[in-house]
Structures are given as C-alpha cells and as structure tokens.
Amino acid sequence: MLRRTFANALLGTALAVTVTAAPAQAAQSRALTSPLPSTITLPSGFQPEGIAIGKKPYAYFGSRVDGGIYRVDLRTGAGRTFSEGPGTASLGLKIDDNRLFVAGGAGGNARVLDLRTGEVLKSYQLQPVGTTAFINDVIVTDDAAWFTDSRNAVLFKLPFGRHGKLPAQAVAVPITGDFVQGEGNNANGITTTPDGRALIVVQSNTGSLFRVSYSGVATKVDLGATETLVNGDGLWLRGKTLYAVQNRLNVIAKVELNRKGTAGTVVSRTGDPSFDVPTTIAEFGKRFYLPNARFTTPAEPTTTYNAVAVPIP
C-alpha cells in the first residue's frame, strides 16, 4: 500500500472525536499467526467514530447513529453487533481490562460496558438532558476515566474506587488556564502526558494542544510559532511520541513530546490513499487502525463504511 508524508496540512473545519490507550504489544504479538486484513468492512449506514482495541485481536467500533457497538475479529475481518445502542451516539472508546468506556456525544452521557458480555455496567448523564453538550473522547488512567466535552470547557472524571470500582456519579472538572472556549468543536481527543502526571487534550477548532493538570488547569503545549493540529481528533501516545489524527486533512501527525508534555515538535504528517476522514486511532500488531467517518459523504442507510490499518509511522 502506498503511503505519503505531508510537510504541510490545509486548514479545515473539525467535527467529532476520539483516541487511545497503552498498547499490550507482547500479548498482541502472540495473537498474530498470519497477515491481518488491512481493510475492515463495517455495516452500511453505521457511521463509525470511535475505535478501541485491547490485548486480544478484537476491535470495537461505535456508531454515531444509535450508539451501537460493533466488534470485529482483526484476524478475519468478521464482525457482529456487540452491544445495542441507547439511541444516542457512541464516539470515543477506551478499554480498561474487561471494561469498555464509551463517550456519548450530543446525548451528554457516558456508559461502561462489560467487555465479555456487552452488558451495560453503569451509565452516567454527564450533562443535563436538553443542554448543549458533546461528550467526545475518553482516556483511562490508573485511577479514573476522563471524558472531554467539545461544547463546554469541562472534563468529566469517573474516579475509581478499590479494585477499580465504578463511582456512583461523575465529577465535573472545569478547564481553566490557557484554554479558551470558542465556536465549533473544542476539547476533543485526550490522552496522558508521557510522565503520566497530567492529561493532553487537543482543541480541534484552533489546533492547539494543551497539557491539563488533573485539577483542570490547562497550559498550552509549545509546538513552535506556526505549528497547529487543526482538526485534531483521536490521540494515541506511544512512549514520548504523540500521534494525532487530523480528520478532514486525512493525515496522522507525529509529535515528539518532552516527558512532561509541555513542549513538542511535529516531525511528520502521514496520509494514506485509504483514508476517508479518519477520526480515532488504536494500535495492534505494529499497525494503526482507524475508522473512516466519511464526514464529507452524505450519510444514508446505504452509505458504506470501513476501517483501515496502516503501518505505524
């Protein structure tokens, strides 16, 4: 498959979500016995957004239509409905042991699924029903799950109890400091800093990257005088290397961060002919998997969708 690296990216309008969790490369390597498909067919009309992959060779995709979760065997490309949706979108996804955390988009909600059965373990209404919200992406740390809201300058935290017990309710953590809420999609993809002491959040409309403390204080990451990650969507952290999907630009930006996540350098942008507005990103078998959201294609019940795998830049 041909790949191309872009030195510059065109500006555009950002839409929805995100990103990633730490890879389990040793377990994944044992699961690989033959070349895996590079293209995964998803149901027509599904409108994929988020992707999550754990230690086993299975990918989970969320639908913007009704929030259904579709599970695909990466070895064969075969898939099935894993969990019926609640009628609101499923955007960013992350896996933590045997749980799947799901960001609920304009529904203002989030839920946690049992990864073995698809059962809903807990649902959370993060923003009141009827208010403007867009719960876009999620990252799981050792002691909490964190959700972004692209329409409000706030993060939502699910603090874990003993043995990872889910809380009764979420905690709202306002984003302060350098972060300024603007028109369109704001806080989108989320991950941790390389040292794990704070969060990294991309602001899609401005292309700014922020280091956000666990108390919500945002400091703009120094990417240089002219560099931005406009249309930044899903994020994936690999050591000190941050990969950011710039959805409508059809590229993955590679950013080398310092350990604290206060500064970074964009070293490359990589695209692929198979990209059709990819949104989020997950790793398995030394490849990145990205769902094509196809935001520039009319969304009809018959519209075809897929996810693609590319080598890690």
Protein backbone atom coordinates (compact mmCIF):
# COMPACT_ATOMS: atom_id res chain seq x y z
CA MET A 1 0.00 0.00 0.00
CA LEU A 2 1.39 3.42 -0.95
CA ARG A 3 1.88 5.99 1.75
CA ARG A 4 2.69 9.66 1.51
CA THR A 5 4.10 12.10 4.06
CA PHE A 6 2.81 15.65 4.12
CA ALA A 7 5.02 18.54 5.17
CA ASN A 8 2.07 20.88 5.44
CA ALA A 9 -1.65 20.44 6.07
CA LEU A 10 -4.58 22.52 4.85
CA LEU A 11 -6.92 24.12 7.35
CA GLY A 12 -10.49 22.85 7.64
CA THR A 13 -13.49 22.52 9.92
CA ALA A 14 -13.27 19.95 12.70
CA LEU A 15 -16.08 17.63 13.57
CA ALA A 16 -16.15 14.85 16.06
CA VAL A 17 -13.78 12.84 18.29
CA THR A 18 -11.52 10.10 19.94
CA VAL A 19 -8.41 8.10 20.67
CA THR A 20 -6.22 5.70 22.74
CA ALA A 21 -4.76 3.51 25.49
CA ALA A 22 -1.37 1.96 26.14
CA PRO A 23 -0.63 -0.99 23.81
CA ALA A 24 -0.06 -4.53 25.09
CA GLN A 25 2.45 -5.48 22.42
CA ALA A 26 3.64 -8.79 23.86
CA ALA A 27 0.13 -10.23 24.17
CA GLN A 28 -0.78 -8.90 20.76
CA SER A 29 2.25 -10.47 19.10
CA ARG A 30 1.25 -13.90 20.37
CA ALA A 31 -2.18 -13.45 18.78
CA LEU A 32 -0.74 -12.94 15.29
CA THR A 33 -0.28 -16.10 13.26
CA SER A 34 -0.86 -14.74 9.74
CA PRO A 35 -1.15 -11.36 7.98
CA LEU A 36 -4.21 -9.45 9.14
CA PRO A 37 -6.67 -7.74 6.78
CA SER A 38 -5.79 -4.13 6.01
CA THR A 39 -9.41 -3.15 5.36
CA ILE A 40 -12.32 -3.95 7.65
CA THR A 41 -15.85 -3.67 6.30
CA LEU A 42 -18.35 -2.12 8.71
CA PRO A 43 -22.16 -2.24 8.33
CA SER A 44 -23.69 0.10 5.75
CA GLY A 45 -25.12 3.21 7.37
CA PHE A 46 -23.16 2.56 10.60
CA GLN A 47 -21.36 5.94 10.68
CA PRO A 48 -18.34 4.86 12.74
CA GLU A 49 -16.46 7.23 15.02
CA GLY A 50 -14.54 5.60 17.86
CA ILE A 51 -12.30 2.55 17.98
CA ALA A 52 -10.79 0.58 20.85
CA ILE A 53 -8.52 -2.47 20.82
CA GLY A 54 -7.34 -4.34 23.90
CA LYS A 55 -4.88 -7.19 24.39
CA LYS A 56 -6.85 -9.57 22.19
CA PRO A 57 -7.25 -9.24 18.39
CA TYR A 58 -10.69 -7.63 18.52
CA ALA A 59 -11.61 -4.08 17.58
CA TYR A 60 -14.68 -2.29 18.90
CA PHE A 61 -16.36 0.48 16.89
CA GLY A 62 -19.03 2.94 17.99
CA SER A 63 -21.87 4.23 15.80
CA ARG A 64 -22.91 7.87 15.55
CA VAL A 65 -26.41 6.76 14.51
CA ASP A 66 -27.71 4.92 17.55
CA GLY A 67 -24.68 4.18 19.72
CA GLY A 68 -24.41 0.52 18.77
CA ILE A 69 -21.04 -1.16 19.34
CA TYR A 70 -19.71 -3.43 16.60
CA ARG A 71 -16.95 -5.96 17.34
CA VAL A 72 -14.55 -7.18 14.63
CA ASP A 73 -12.08 -10.06 14.72
CA LEU A 74 -8.89 -8.49 13.35
CA ARG A 75 -7.63 -11.88 12.17
CA THR A 76 -10.51 -12.44 9.77
CA GLY A 77 -12.34 -9.13 9.43
CA ALA A 78 -15.60 -10.79 10.50
CA GLY A 79 -17.82 -8.70 12.76
CA ARG A 80 -21.04 -8.67 14.71
CA THR A 81 -23.11 -6.34 16.87
CA PHE A 82 -21.62 -6.50 20.35
CA SER A 83 -23.97 -4.15 22.18
CA GLU A 84 -27.17 -2.43 21.10
CA GLY A 85 -27.05 1.36 21.36
CA PRO A 86 -29.11 3.55 23.68
CA GLY A 87 -30.33 5.74 20.81
CA THR A 88 -27.60 8.34 21.26
CA ALA A 89 -24.18 8.27 19.61
CA SER A 90 -21.13 6.32 20.73
CA LEU A 91 -17.98 8.31 19.98
CA GLY A 92 -14.64 7.89 21.77
CA LEU A 93 -13.95 4.41 23.18
CA LYS A 94 -11.30 3.04 25.52
CA ILE A 95 -10.66 -0.39 27.06
CA ASP A 96 -9.59 -0.98 30.66
CA ASP A 97 -9.12 -4.67 31.50
CA ASN A 98 -12.58 -6.15 30.89
CA ARG A 99 -14.47 -2.86 30.53
CA LEU A 100 -15.25 -0.61 27.59
CA PHE A 101 -15.75 3.11 28.29
CA VAL A 102 -17.98 4.95 25.81
CA ALA A 103 -18.39 8.70 25.20
CA GLY A 104 -21.99 9.57 24.34
CA GLY A 105 -21.72 12.65 22.10
CA ALA A 106 -24.68 15.04 21.97
CA GLY A 107 -26.55 12.80 24.40
CA GLY A 108 -24.34 14.30 27.10
CA ASN A 109 -23.77 10.86 28.55
CA ALA A 110 -21.27 8.07 29.01
CA ARG A 111 -21.51 4.39 29.79
CA VAL A 112 -19.31 1.47 30.74
CA LEU A 113 -19.78 -1.97 29.15
CA ASP A 114 -18.65 -5.41 30.23
CA LEU A 115 -16.14 -6.40 27.55
CA ARG A 116 -17.07 -10.06 27.90
CA THR A 117 -20.83 -9.79 27.55
CA GLY A 118 -21.67 -6.32 26.22
CA GLU A 119 -23.80 -5.66 29.29
CA VAL A 120 -24.03 -2.05 30.46
CA LEU A 121 -22.34 -1.93 33.84
CA LYS A 122 -23.08 1.72 34.53
CA SER A 123 -24.49 4.73 32.71
CA TYR A 124 -23.76 8.36 33.53
CA GLN A 125 -25.64 11.50 32.49
CA LEU A 126 -22.71 13.89 32.44
CA GLN A 127 -24.64 16.94 31.23
CA PRO A 128 -28.36 17.57 31.87
CA VAL A 129 -30.66 16.30 29.12
CA GLY A 130 -31.52 19.09 26.70
CA THR A 131 -28.39 21.16 27.31
CA THR A 132 -25.66 21.74 24.74
CA ALA A 133 -23.05 19.00 25.12
CA PHE A 134 -20.81 16.80 23.02
CA ILE A 135 -19.07 14.11 25.08
CA ASN A 136 -16.39 13.35 22.56
CA ASP A 137 -13.50 11.21 23.78
CA VAL A 138 -12.19 9.31 26.78
CA ILE A 139 -8.91 8.13 28.29
CA VAL A 140 -8.47 5.68 31.16
CA THR A 141 -5.71 6.25 33.70
CA ASP A 142 -4.77 4.09 36.69
CA ASP A 143 -7.38 5.65 38.93
CA ALA A 144 -10.02 7.25 36.71
CA ALA A 145 -11.64 7.63 33.31
CA TRP A 146 -11.65 11.14 31.81
CA PHE A 147 -14.12 12.43 29.19
CA THR A 148 -13.95 15.58 27.04
CA ASP A 149 -16.94 17.78 26.17
CA SER A 150 -16.35 19.61 22.89
CA ARG A 151 -19.13 22.12 23.58
CA ASN A 152 -18.11 23.08 27.12
CA ALA A 153 -14.81 23.86 28.87
CA VAL A 154 -15.05 20.94 31.25
CA LEU A 155 -13.73 17.43 31.71
CA PHE A 156 -15.70 14.68 33.41
CA LYS A 157 -13.91 12.30 35.74
CA LEU A 158 -15.05 8.84 36.83
CA PRO A 159 -12.83 8.22 39.88
CA PHE A 160 -12.27 4.52 40.51
CA GLY A 161 -12.70 3.00 43.92
CA ARG A 162 -10.94 -0.02 45.35
CA HIS A 163 -10.12 -2.65 42.71
CA GLY A 164 -11.33 -0.26 40.01
CA LYS A 165 -14.90 0.01 41.30
CA LEU A 166 -17.01 2.43 39.27
CA PRO A 167 -18.29 5.53 41.09
CA ALA A 168 -21.93 6.38 41.66
CA GLN A 169 -21.55 9.57 39.66
CA ALA A 170 -19.04 11.56 37.65
CA VAL A 171 -17.13 14.61 38.83
CA ALA A 172 -17.07 17.75 36.66
CA VAL A 173 -13.59 19.34 36.38
CA PRO A 174 -13.70 22.79 34.70
CA ILE A 175 -10.84 23.52 32.28
CA THR A 176 -9.12 26.77 33.26
CA GLY A 177 -5.80 28.44 32.48
CA ASP A 178 -4.77 28.92 28.85
CA PHE A 179 -7.78 27.11 27.38
CA VAL A 180 -10.33 29.46 25.75
CA GLN A 181 -13.65 28.02 24.57
CA GLY A 182 -14.61 29.06 21.03
CA GLU A 183 -17.09 28.28 18.27
CA GLY A 184 -17.32 24.73 16.92
CA ASN A 185 -15.60 21.68 18.37
CA ASN A 186 -13.20 22.47 21.17
CA ALA A 187 -11.73 19.86 23.54
CA ASN A 188 -11.64 16.62 21.57
CA GLY A 189 -9.02 13.85 21.73
CA ILE A 190 -7.47 13.10 25.10
CA THR A 191 -4.57 11.06 26.43
CA THR A 192 -1.95 11.37 29.18
CA THR A 193 1.43 13.08 29.24
CA PRO A 194 4.45 10.79 28.82
CA ASP A 195 5.18 11.02 32.56
CA GLY A 196 1.54 10.26 33.42
CA ARG A 197 1.24 13.30 35.69
CA ALA A 198 -1.31 15.19 33.59
CA LEU A 199 -3.56 14.94 30.55
CA ILE A 200 -3.05 16.03 26.95
CA VAL A 201 -6.09 17.47 25.14
CA VAL A 202 -6.33 18.73 21.55
CA GLN A 203 -8.64 21.64 20.70
CA SER A 204 -9.97 20.85 17.24
CA ASN A 205 -11.09 24.29 16.10
CA THR A 206 -7.84 26.11 16.96
CA GLY A 207 -5.43 23.21 16.55
CA SER A 208 -3.90 23.96 19.95
CA LEU A 209 -2.60 21.19 22.18
CA PHE A 210 -2.91 21.54 25.95
CA ARG A 211 -1.33 19.93 28.98
CA VAL A 212 -4.18 19.79 31.50
CA SER A 213 -3.49 19.06 35.16
CA TYR A 214 -5.75 16.63 36.96
CA SER A 215 -7.27 19.68 38.66
CA GLY A 216 -8.18 21.14 35.25
CA VAL A 217 -5.52 23.85 34.78
CA ALA A 218 -4.58 23.99 31.07
CA THR A 219 -1.20 25.09 29.74
CA LYS A 220 -0.73 25.39 26.00
CA VAL A 221 1.85 22.94 24.67
CA ASP A 222 4.65 24.72 22.82
CA LEU A 223 4.64 23.29 19.27
CA GLY A 224 6.57 26.19 17.78
CA ALA A 225 5.47 29.57 16.50
CA THR A 226 3.45 28.39 13.49
CA GLU A 227 2.53 24.74 14.05
CA THR A 228 -1.01 23.61 14.91
CA LEU A 229 -3.06 20.41 14.96
CA VAL A 230 -6.24 21.89 13.49
CA ASN A 231 -8.98 19.27 13.02
CA GLY A 232 -7.21 17.26 15.72
CA ASP A 233 -9.31 14.29 16.71
CA GLY A 234 -8.21 10.98 18.26
CA LEU A 235 -4.87 10.89 20.10
CA TRP A 236 -2.53 7.96 20.68
CA LEU A 237 0.52 8.10 22.96
CA ARG A 238 3.46 5.77 22.36
CA GLY A 239 6.25 6.48 24.83
CA LYS A 240 7.00 10.17 24.28
CA THR A 241 5.57 10.13 20.76
CA LEU A 242 2.06 11.51 20.33
CA TYR A 243 0.04 10.60 17.23
CA ALA A 244 -2.86 12.93 16.42
CA VAL A 245 -5.47 12.20 13.75
CA GLN A 246 -6.31 15.35 11.80
CA ASN A 247 -9.60 14.07 10.46
CA ARG A 248 -10.57 16.25 7.47
CA LEU A 249 -6.93 16.60 6.49
CA ASN A 250 -6.69 12.80 6.18
CA VAL A 251 -3.37 12.62 7.99
CA ILE A 252 -1.78 11.33 11.18
CA ALA A 253 0.51 13.94 12.75
CA LYS A 254 3.53 12.60 14.65
CA VAL A 255 4.61 14.79 17.57
CA GLU A 256 7.70 14.23 19.69
CA LEU A 257 6.90 15.46 23.22
CA ASN A 258 9.11 16.12 26.19
CA ARG A 259 8.44 13.95 29.21
CA LYS A 260 6.21 16.48 30.96
CA GLY A 261 4.20 17.16 27.82
CA THR A 262 4.85 20.90 27.96
CA ALA A 263 6.51 21.12 24.53
CA GLY A 264 6.67 19.10 21.36
CA THR A 265 7.78 19.05 17.74
CA VAL A 266 5.65 17.93 14.82
CA VAL A 267 8.09 15.73 12.90
CA SER A 268 5.82 14.39 10.15
CA ARG A 269 2.32 14.06 8.76
CA THR A 270 1.43 10.79 7.11
CA GLY A 271 -1.56 10.10 4.90
CA ASP A 272 -2.78 7.07 3.01
CA PRO A 273 -4.98 6.63 -0.09
CA SER A 274 -7.38 4.56 2.03
CA PHE A 275 -8.14 7.48 4.42
CA ASP A 276 -11.62 9.00 4.09
CA VAL A 277 -11.85 11.37 7.06
CA PRO A 278 -10.48 9.03 9.73
CA THR A 279 -11.35 10.05 13.26
CA THR A 280 -9.83 7.94 16.01
CA ILE A 281 -6.90 5.57 16.29
CA ALA A 282 -5.84 2.36 18.03
CA GLU A 283 -2.82 0.08 17.81
CA PHE A 284 -2.48 -3.66 17.26
CA GLY A 285 0.28 -5.79 15.77
CA LYS A 286 2.55 -2.81 14.97
CA ARG A 287 -0.18 -1.20 12.90
CA PHE A 288 -2.61 1.64 13.48
CA TYR A 289 -6.31 1.06 12.88
CA LEU A 290 -8.57 3.99 12.01
CA PRO A 291 -12.31 4.12 11.22
CA ASN A 292 -13.24 6.23 8.20
CA ALA A 293 -16.06 8.50 9.33
CA ARG A 294 -16.59 9.88 5.80
CA PHE A 295 -17.89 13.24 7.07
CA THR A 296 -17.76 14.64 3.52
CA THR A 297 -20.03 11.89 2.15
CA PRO A 298 -23.84 12.08 2.58
CA ALA A 299 -24.81 9.73 5.41
CA GLU A 300 -27.52 7.42 4.11
CA PRO A 301 -28.63 3.97 5.31
CA THR A 302 -26.83 2.53 2.28
CA THR A 303 -23.59 4.51 2.70
CA THR A 304 -20.67 2.12 3.01
CA TYR A 305 -18.10 2.40 5.81
CA ASN A 306 -14.84 0.74 6.73
CA ALA A 307 -11.78 0.91 8.92
CA VAL A 308 -8.23 0.65 7.65
CA ALA A 309 -4.87 -0.48 9.01
CA VAL A 310 -1.59 1.29 8.21
CA PRO A 311 1.99 0.81 9.41
CA ILE A 312 2.96 2.96 12.39
CA PRO A 313 4.86 5.99 11.02
